[in-house]
Amino acid sequence: MARKPRNLADILSDPGSALGRLVAGAEKHKALIGQVKSCLDPALAEHLIGVNTKDDTLILLSDSAAWATRLRFAGDEVCTRLENSFGLKLRHVRVKVRGPE
């Protein structure tokens, strides 16, 4: 017997579904970018194009080498602020550059 089709909104909000986990991960990632940008000078935050974490390392993605250097200098302060404000325990910072496409 055929199953009744499910509403897409129900699938996306179901944490047990693959799409639901994908949506939850995207929301978590968006929140992390917002948290990191809130710790940075606004001019520097404009050049932060991606954020990720791996173990106790914060990975920042910059749009140019010059801004990547400034992100490296701000890295320790960002980790401290993230720990104080959001409880994230990050000890290391890696900065990568993603050039123009």
C-alpha atoms as a PDB file:
ATOM      1  CA  MET A   1       0.000   0.000   0.000  1.00  0.00           C
ATOM      2  CA  ALA A   2       1.324   3.445  -0.928  1.00  0.00           C
ATOM      3  CA  ARG A   3       2.301   5.856   1.814  1.00  0.00           C
ATOM      4  CA  LYS A   4       0.562   9.166   2.080  1.00  0.00           C
ATOM      5  CA  PRO A   5       2.812  12.047   0.925  1.00  0.00           C
ATOM      6  CA  ARG A   6       4.244  14.167   3.734  1.00  0.00           C
ATOM      7  CA  ASN A   7       4.190  17.915   3.873  1.00  0.00           C
ATOM      8  CA  LEU A   8       7.618  19.379   3.010  1.00  0.00           C
ATOM      9  CA  ALA A   9       7.538  21.673   6.064  1.00  0.00           C
ATOM     10  CA  ASP A  10       7.065  18.606   8.265  1.00  0.00           C
ATOM     11  CA  ILE A  11      10.022  16.845   6.638  1.00  0.00           C
ATOM     12  CA  LEU A  12      12.280  19.888   7.007  1.00  0.00           C
ATOM     13  CA  SER A  13      11.385  20.343  10.664  1.00  0.00           C
ATOM     14  CA  ASP A  14      11.709  16.643  11.547  1.00  0.00           C
ATOM     15  CA  PRO A  15      15.096  16.182  13.294  1.00  0.00           C
ATOM     16  CA  GLY A  16      14.984  12.493  12.385  1.00  0.00           C
ATOM     17  CA  SER A  17      14.892  13.090   8.639  1.00  0.00           C
ATOM     18  CA  ALA A  18      18.001  13.657   6.526  1.00  0.00           C
ATOM     19  CA  LEU A  19      16.629  16.990   5.316  1.00  0.00           C
ATOM     20  CA  GLY A  20      15.737  17.990   8.853  1.00  0.00           C
ATOM     21  CA  ARG A  21      19.305  17.327   9.991  1.00  0.00           C
ATOM     22  CA  LEU A  22      20.608  19.307   7.017  1.00  0.00           C
ATOM     23  CA  VAL A  23      18.391  22.278   7.898  1.00  0.00           C
ATOM     24  CA  ALA A  24      19.430  22.099  11.560  1.00  0.00           C
ATOM     25  CA  GLY A  25      23.099  22.015  10.554  1.00  0.00           C
ATOM     26  CA  ALA A  26      22.652  25.012   8.266  1.00  0.00           C
ATOM     27  CA  GLU A  27      20.940  26.974  11.040  1.00  0.00           C
ATOM     28  CA  LYS A  28      23.727  26.082  13.468  1.00  0.00           C
ATOM     29  CA  HIS A  29      26.339  27.180  10.925  1.00  0.00           C
ATOM     30  CA  LYS A  30      24.519  30.470  10.287  1.00  0.00           C
ATOM     31  CA  ALA A  31      24.374  31.126  14.029  1.00  0.00           C
ATOM     32  CA  LEU A  32      28.116  30.427  14.362  1.00  0.00           C
ATOM     33  CA  ILE A  33      28.936  32.908  11.595  1.00  0.00           C
ATOM     34  CA  GLY A  34      26.793  35.514  13.344  1.00  0.00           C
ATOM     35  CA  GLN A  35      28.500  34.837  16.670  1.00  0.00           C
ATOM     36  CA  VAL A  36      31.980  35.175  15.178  1.00  0.00           C
ATOM     37  CA  LYS A  37      31.078  38.328  13.246  1.00  0.00           C
ATOM     38  CA  SER A  38      29.706  39.879  16.450  1.00  0.00           C
ATOM     39  CA  CYS A  39      33.185  39.459  17.975  1.00  0.00           C
ATOM     40  CA  LEU A  40      34.924  41.264  15.112  1.00  0.00           C
ATOM     41  CA  ASP A  41      35.310  44.874  14.047  1.00  0.00           C
ATOM     42  CA  PRO A  42      32.589  45.514  11.418  1.00  0.00           C
ATOM     43  CA  ALA A  43      35.149  46.276   8.693  1.00  0.00           C
ATOM     44  CA  LEU A  44      36.894  42.970   9.375  1.00  0.00           C
ATOM     45  CA  ALA A  45      33.618  41.056   9.650  1.00  0.00           C
ATOM     46  CA  GLU A  46      32.779  42.030   6.051  1.00  0.00           C
ATOM     47  CA  HIS A  47      35.725  39.934   4.851  1.00  0.00           C
ATOM     48  CA  LEU A  48      34.826  36.840   6.850  1.00  0.00           C
ATOM     49  CA  ILE A  49      33.088  34.586   4.342  1.00  0.00           C
ATOM     50  CA  GLY A  50      32.952  31.321   6.255  1.00  0.00           C
ATOM     51  CA  VAL A  51      33.384  29.747   9.671  1.00  0.00           C
ATOM     52  CA  ASN A  52      33.716  26.196  10.867  1.00  0.00           C
ATOM     53  CA  THR A  53      34.927  24.310  13.913  1.00  0.00           C
ATOM     54  CA  LYS A  54      36.841  21.067  14.190  1.00  0.00           C
ATOM     55  CA  ASP A  55      37.617  19.700  17.624  1.00  0.00           C
ATOM     56  CA  ASP A  56      38.960  22.728  19.531  1.00  0.00           C
ATOM     57  CA  THR A  57      39.927  24.687  16.402  1.00  0.00           C
ATOM     58  CA  LEU A  58      38.068  27.640  14.931  1.00  0.00           C
ATOM     59  CA  ILE A  59      38.476  27.789  11.151  1.00  0.00           C
ATOM     60  CA  LEU A  60      37.919  31.177   9.541  1.00  0.00           C
ATOM     61  CA  LEU A  61      37.614  31.727   5.797  1.00  0.00           C
ATOM     62  CA  SER A  62      38.669  35.109   4.422  1.00  0.00           C
ATOM     63  CA  ASP A  63      38.195  36.660   1.003  1.00  0.00           C
ATOM     64  CA  SER A  64      41.806  37.902   0.724  1.00  0.00           C
ATOM     65  CA  ALA A  65      45.257  37.293   2.161  1.00  0.00           C
ATOM     66  CA  ALA A  66      45.468  40.813   3.609  1.00  0.00           C
ATOM     67  CA  TRP A  67      42.248  40.375   5.582  1.00  0.00           C
ATOM     68  CA  ALA A  68      43.266  36.840   6.560  1.00  0.00           C
ATOM     69  CA  THR A  69      46.272  38.304   8.352  1.00  0.00           C
ATOM     70  CA  ARG A  70      44.019  40.627  10.331  1.00  0.00           C
ATOM     71  CA  LEU A  71      41.744  37.696  11.173  1.00  0.00           C
ATOM     72  CA  ARG A  72      44.763  35.751  12.465  1.00  0.00           C
ATOM     73  CA  PHE A  73      45.654  38.637  14.779  1.00  0.00           C
ATOM     74  CA  ALA A  74      42.058  38.792  16.052  1.00  0.00           C
ATOM     75  CA  GLY A  75      41.777  35.007  16.451  1.00  0.00           C
ATOM     76  CA  ASP A  76      42.717  34.647  20.118  1.00  0.00           C
ATOM     77  CA  GLU A  77      40.354  37.435  21.154  1.00  0.00           C
ATOM     78  CA  VAL A  78      37.550  35.902  19.090  1.00  0.00           C
ATOM     79  CA  CYS A  79      38.065  32.523  20.818  1.00  0.00           C
ATOM     80  CA  THR A  80      37.995  34.183  24.229  1.00  0.00           C
ATOM     81  CA  ARG A  81      34.817  36.107  23.401  1.00  0.00           C
ATOM     82  CA  LEU A  82      33.116  33.029  21.982  1.00  0.00           C
ATOM     83  CA  GLU A  83      33.926  31.115  25.146  1.00  0.00           C
ATOM     84  CA  ASN A  84      32.736  33.912  27.441  1.00  0.00           C
ATOM     85  CA  SER A  85      29.573  34.729  25.488  1.00  0.00           C
ATOM     86  CA  PHE A  86      28.517  31.402  24.004  1.00  0.00           C
ATOM     87  CA  GLY A  87      30.397  28.736  25.958  1.00  0.00           C
ATOM     88  CA  LEU A  88      32.387  27.529  22.950  1.00  0.00           C
ATOM     89  CA  LYS A  89      35.697  25.972  24.015  1.00  0.00           C
ATOM     90  CA  LEU A  90      38.037  26.808  21.155  1.00  0.00           C
ATOM     91  CA  ARG A  91      41.807  26.909  21.681  1.00  0.00           C
ATOM     92  CA  HIS A  92      43.249  27.258  18.176  1.00  0.00           C
ATOM     93  CA  VAL A  93      42.513  29.374  15.121  1.00  0.00           C
ATOM     94  CA  ARG A  94      43.204  28.535  11.487  1.00  0.00           C
ATOM     95  CA  VAL A  95      42.571  31.059   8.761  1.00  0.00           C
ATOM     96  CA  LYS A  96      42.173  30.088   5.142  1.00  0.00           C
ATOM     97  CA  VAL A  97      41.886  32.305   2.080  1.00  0.00           C
ATOM     98  CA  ARG A  98      39.354  31.740  -0.622  1.00  0.00           C
ATOM     99  CA  GLY A  99      40.289  33.806  -3.645  1.00  0.00           C
ATOM    100  CA  PRO A 100      37.904  35.340  -6.144  1.00  0.00           C
ATOM    101  CA  GLU A 101      35.958  32.856  -8.203  1.00  0.00           C
END
